[in-house]
Amino acid sequence: LAVKQVGEQQPELAAVLQKCCNLFSLWWMQEGLGDFLEGGYLDRKQAAVLRQAVRDLLPVLRADAVPLVDSWGHSDHALNSALGRWDGKVYDALLASAQQGVNPMNCVEVDLAFEESLKPMRRSKL
């Protein structure tokens, strides 16, 4: 109903809003898939169709992802993300965010957690 009302006032938004509603609905159905299967509302074949429908909608909405996020009016600084920048310089920002002076995880060559936890496991004979 809301999509229809928006579509009457701003028809160019109706299609993308309908795609968002479809993805939202299908994704939440997928999240509760066990309940749908256990209750007998869906069978295994229908569950597979549901999962594929979610996967099929993702690339369809990808083109609208940045404008959708931008529509909330959050600044790049508030989002703290190199992706979806207003100026389109995604790769420059991503590289800059990984530099030693900016990202504390890149201040040492190998993170201490690796030395303490992961490196000994690599050498074990499990």
Protein backbone atom coordinates (compact mmCIF):
# COMPACT_ATOMS: atom_id res chain seq x y z
CA LEU A 1 0.00 0.00 0.00
CA ALA A 2 2.77 2.44 0.93
CA VAL A 3 4.68 1.68 -2.28
CA LYS A 4 1.49 2.28 -4.27
CA GLN A 5 0.91 5.63 -2.56
CA VAL A 6 4.50 6.75 -3.15
CA GLY A 7 4.26 5.52 -6.73
CA GLU A 8 1.27 7.76 -7.36
CA GLN A 9 3.18 10.83 -6.16
CA GLN A 10 6.68 9.86 -7.39
CA PRO A 11 6.42 7.10 -10.00
CA GLU A 12 10.19 6.90 -10.48
CA LEU A 13 10.53 5.60 -6.90
CA ALA A 14 7.87 2.91 -7.07
CA ALA A 15 9.98 0.29 -8.85
CA VAL A 16 13.00 0.54 -6.54
CA LEU A 17 10.81 0.60 -3.43
CA GLN A 18 8.96 -2.49 -4.65
CA LYS A 19 12.30 -4.27 -5.17
CA CYS A 20 13.36 -3.30 -1.63
CA CYS A 21 10.07 -4.61 -0.22
CA ASN A 22 10.44 -7.85 -2.15
CA LEU A 23 14.00 -8.37 -0.94
CA PHE A 24 13.08 -7.51 2.64
CA SER A 25 10.17 -9.96 2.64
CA LEU A 26 12.03 -12.78 0.95
CA TRP A 27 15.13 -12.31 3.12
CA TRP A 28 13.10 -12.52 6.34
CA MET A 29 11.31 -15.60 5.02
CA GLN A 30 14.73 -17.10 4.33
CA GLU A 31 15.85 -16.22 7.87
CA GLY A 32 12.85 -18.10 9.28
CA LEU A 33 12.96 -20.86 6.70
CA GLY A 34 13.07 -23.60 9.33
CA ASP A 35 9.73 -22.45 10.71
CA PHE A 36 8.16 -22.40 7.24
CA LEU A 37 9.47 -25.90 6.52
CA GLU A 38 8.54 -27.32 9.90
CA GLY A 39 5.06 -25.82 9.71
CA GLY A 40 4.52 -27.32 6.28
CA TYR A 41 4.07 -23.93 4.62
CA LEU A 42 6.97 -24.58 2.24
CA ASP A 43 8.59 -27.72 0.91
CA ARG A 44 12.27 -28.22 -0.01
CA LYS A 45 11.73 -27.22 -3.64
CA GLN A 46 9.95 -24.01 -2.63
CA ALA A 47 12.73 -23.26 -0.12
CA ALA A 48 15.28 -23.53 -2.92
CA VAL A 49 13.18 -21.17 -5.06
CA LEU A 50 13.03 -18.72 -2.14
CA ARG A 51 16.81 -18.75 -1.66
CA GLN A 52 17.35 -18.26 -5.39
CA ALA A 53 14.88 -15.36 -5.46
CA VAL A 54 16.92 -13.59 -2.76
CA ARG A 55 20.14 -14.17 -4.72
CA ASP A 56 18.49 -12.95 -7.93
CA LEU A 57 17.29 -9.70 -6.34
CA LEU A 58 20.71 -8.67 -5.01
CA PRO A 59 22.28 -7.75 -8.37
CA VAL A 60 19.03 -6.07 -9.43
CA LEU A 61 19.20 -3.74 -6.41
CA ARG A 62 22.98 -3.24 -6.58
CA ALA A 63 22.63 -0.31 -9.01
CA ASP A 64 20.34 1.44 -6.52
CA ALA A 65 22.41 0.69 -3.39
CA VAL A 66 24.41 3.92 -3.28
CA PRO A 67 21.44 6.21 -4.04
CA LEU A 68 19.38 4.38 -1.39
CA VAL A 69 22.06 4.91 1.26
CA ASP A 70 22.61 8.50 0.11
CA SER A 71 18.88 9.19 0.45
CA TRP A 72 19.25 9.00 4.24
CA GLY A 73 21.61 11.97 4.10
CA HIS A 74 24.40 10.43 6.19
CA SER A 75 27.82 11.90 5.48
CA ASP A 76 30.74 9.75 4.33
CA HIS A 77 32.38 10.62 7.64
CA ALA A 78 29.41 9.34 9.67
CA LEU A 79 29.26 6.12 7.65
CA ASN A 80 33.03 5.69 8.06
CA SER A 81 33.14 3.75 4.82
CA ALA A 82 35.33 4.09 1.78
CA LEU A 83 32.62 2.44 -0.32
CA GLY A 84 29.77 4.44 -1.80
CA ARG A 85 31.57 7.76 -1.56
CA TRP A 86 29.78 10.78 -2.94
CA ASP A 87 32.81 11.70 -5.08
CA GLY A 88 33.23 8.21 -6.55
CA LYS A 89 36.85 7.88 -5.40
CA VAL A 90 36.27 4.51 -3.75
CA TYR A 91 39.65 2.93 -4.44
CA ASP A 92 41.64 6.00 -3.42
CA ALA A 93 39.72 6.18 -0.14
CA LEU A 94 40.04 2.46 0.47
CA LEU A 95 43.80 2.58 -0.01
CA ALA A 96 44.10 5.67 2.19
CA SER A 97 42.07 4.03 4.97
CA ALA A 98 44.46 1.08 5.06
CA GLN A 99 47.63 3.15 5.56
CA GLN A 100 49.64 2.76 8.77
CA GLY A 101 48.92 6.23 10.12
CA VAL A 102 45.16 5.84 9.67
CA ASN A 103 44.36 2.24 10.54
CA PRO A 104 45.82 1.02 13.86
CA MET A 105 45.62 -2.59 12.68
CA ASN A 106 48.30 -1.78 10.12
CA CYS A 107 50.79 -0.29 12.59
CA VAL A 108 52.63 -3.61 13.02
CA GLU A 109 53.45 -6.01 10.25
CA VAL A 110 51.83 -9.04 11.92
CA ASP A 111 49.05 -8.63 14.43
CA LEU A 112 49.91 -9.87 17.94
CA ALA A 113 46.78 -12.04 18.02
CA PHE A 114 48.18 -13.97 15.08
CA GLU A 115 51.45 -14.59 16.92
CA GLU A 116 49.65 -15.66 20.10
CA SER A 117 46.81 -17.74 18.72
CA LEU A 118 46.99 -18.62 15.05
CA LYS A 119 50.68 -19.20 14.45
CA PRO A 120 50.97 -22.00 17.07
CA MET A 121 47.92 -23.70 15.56
CA ARG A 122 49.53 -23.63 12.12
CA ARG A 123 52.52 -25.50 13.50
CA SER A 124 50.52 -28.09 15.44
CA LYS A 125 49.93 -31.55 14.05
CA LEU A 126 46.15 -31.71 14.54
